[in-house]
C-alpha atoms as a PDB file:
ATOM      1  CA  MET A   1       0.000   0.000   0.000  1.00  0.00           C
ATOM      2  CA  LYS A   2       1.097   3.505  -0.567  1.00  0.00           C
ATOM      3  CA  LYS A   3       2.081   5.716   2.329  1.00  0.00           C
ATOM      4  CA  GLN A   4      -0.746   8.157   1.577  1.00  0.00           C
ATOM      5  CA  THR A   5      -3.361   5.373   1.666  1.00  0.00           C
ATOM      6  CA  ILE A   6      -2.082   4.059   4.996  1.00  0.00           C
ATOM      7  CA  MET A   7      -2.155   7.554   6.496  1.00  0.00           C
ATOM      8  CA  GLY A   8      -5.744   8.018   5.284  1.00  0.00           C
ATOM      9  CA  VAL A   9      -6.851   4.728   6.832  1.00  0.00           C
ATOM     10  CA  ILE A  10      -5.170   5.632  10.137  1.00  0.00           C
ATOM     11  CA  ALA A  11      -6.870   9.048  10.117  1.00  0.00           C
ATOM     12  CA  ILE A  12     -10.305   7.506   9.486  1.00  0.00           C
ATOM     13  CA  MET A  13      -9.793   4.890  12.211  1.00  0.00           C
ATOM     14  CA  THR A  14      -8.722   7.629  14.657  1.00  0.00           C
ATOM     15  CA  ILE A  15     -11.838   9.686  13.938  1.00  0.00           C
ATOM     16  CA  ILE A  16     -14.061   6.615  14.396  1.00  0.00           C
ATOM     17  CA  ALA A  17     -12.354   5.691  17.680  1.00  0.00           C
ATOM     18  CA  VAL A  18     -12.752   9.222  19.061  1.00  0.00           C
ATOM     19  CA  ALA A  19     -16.440   9.268  18.071  1.00  0.00           C
ATOM     20  CA  MET A  20     -17.033   5.891  19.749  1.00  0.00           C
ATOM     21  CA  PHE A  21     -15.358   6.865  23.018  1.00  0.00           C
ATOM     22  CA  ALA A  22     -17.052  10.270  23.070  1.00  0.00           C
ATOM     23  CA  GLY A  23     -20.420   8.509  23.299  1.00  0.00           C
ATOM     24  CA  CYS A  24     -19.264   6.517  26.338  1.00  0.00           C
ATOM     25  CA  VAL A  25     -18.236   9.547  28.394  1.00  0.00           C
ATOM     26  CA  GLU A  26     -20.962  11.427  30.203  1.00  0.00           C
ATOM     27  CA  LYS A  27     -21.139  13.679  33.205  1.00  0.00           C
ATOM     28  CA  GLU A  28     -22.440  12.243  36.444  1.00  0.00           C
ATOM     29  CA  ALA A  29     -25.723  13.901  37.361  1.00  0.00           C
ATOM     30  CA  SER A  30     -26.835  14.454  40.921  1.00  0.00           C
ATOM     31  CA  GLU A  31     -30.531  14.725  40.004  1.00  0.00           C
ATOM     32  CA  PRO A  32     -31.389  10.993  40.088  1.00  0.00           C
ATOM     33  CA  ALA A  33     -30.552  10.867  43.803  1.00  0.00           C
ATOM     34  CA  GLN A  34     -33.090  13.609  44.437  1.00  0.00           C
ATOM     35  CA  ALA A  35     -35.679  11.918  42.241  1.00  0.00           C
ATOM     36  CA  ASP A  36     -35.273   8.670  44.193  1.00  0.00           C
ATOM     37  CA  ALA A  37     -35.980  10.489  47.463  1.00  0.00           C
ATOM     38  CA  GLN A  38     -39.296  11.754  46.096  1.00  0.00           C
ATOM     39  CA  MET A  39     -40.476   8.376  44.812  1.00  0.00           C
ATOM     40  CA  PRO A  40     -43.051   6.709  47.067  1.00  0.00           C
ATOM     41  CA  THR A  41     -42.178   3.356  48.517  1.00  0.00           C
ATOM     42  CA  PRO A  42     -44.392   0.642  47.051  1.00  0.00           C
ATOM     43  CA  THR A  43     -46.458  -1.236  49.586  1.00  0.00           C
ATOM     44  CA  PRO A  44     -46.182  -4.995  49.348  1.00  0.00           C
ATOM     45  CA  THR A  45     -49.345  -6.766  48.309  1.00  0.00           C
ATOM     46  CA  PRO A  46     -50.248  -9.993  50.068  1.00  0.00           C
ATOM     47  CA  THR A  47     -49.881 -13.054  47.906  1.00  0.00           C
ATOM     48  CA  PRO A  48     -52.957 -15.242  47.788  1.00  0.00           C
ATOM     49  CA  THR A  49     -52.558 -18.723  49.162  1.00  0.00           C
ATOM     50  CA  SER A  50     -52.854 -21.289  46.454  1.00  0.00           C
ATOM     51  CA  SER A  51     -55.298 -24.102  46.915  1.00  0.00           C
ATOM     52  CA  PRO A  52     -55.247 -27.171  44.730  1.00  0.00           C
ATOM     53  CA  GLY A  53     -57.313 -26.401  41.672  1.00  0.00           C
ATOM     54  CA  PRO A  54     -59.455 -28.729  39.614  1.00  0.00           C
ATOM     55  CA  THR A  55     -57.596 -31.484  37.868  1.00  0.00           C
ATOM     56  CA  LEU A  56     -58.099 -32.443  34.256  1.00  0.00           C
ATOM     57  CA  THR A  57     -58.078 -36.079  33.288  1.00  0.00           C
ATOM     58  CA  VAL A  58     -57.440 -36.930  29.654  1.00  0.00           C
ATOM     59  CA  GLU A  59     -58.599 -40.285  28.383  1.00  0.00           C
ATOM     60  CA  ARG A  60     -57.138 -41.561  25.180  1.00  0.00           C
ATOM     61  CA  PRO A  61     -59.321 -43.530  22.774  1.00  0.00           C
ATOM     62  CA  ALA A  62     -58.511 -47.192  22.327  1.00  0.00           C
ATOM     63  CA  VAL A  63     -56.696 -47.846  19.087  1.00  0.00           C
ATOM     64  CA  ASN A  64     -56.544 -51.311  17.578  1.00  0.00           C
ATOM     65  CA  ILE A  65     -53.450 -51.917  15.538  1.00  0.00           C
ATOM     66  CA  GLY A  66     -53.493 -54.855  13.207  1.00  0.00           C
ATOM     67  CA  ASN A  67     -56.429 -56.726  11.663  1.00  0.00           C
ATOM     68  CA  SER A  68     -59.775 -55.024  11.827  1.00  0.00           C
ATOM     69  CA  GLY A  69     -61.506 -58.395  12.008  1.00  0.00           C
ATOM     70  CA  ALA A  70     -62.615 -58.428   8.412  1.00  0.00           C
END
């Protein structure tokens, strides 16, 4: 490869790397801590006790394999 092509590829890769890392950096905000203090605490709901429900019985039809008797 020519020297100019290599320098162009390095420049493009540098710009892409800077753009990627710029999206990862953000300032730490102190507002969420205040918002959490204002949120009401959810009250726990009692869980219903489970009782055994109705059961379902499946009966399979009888299947005769072999001669039908004819």
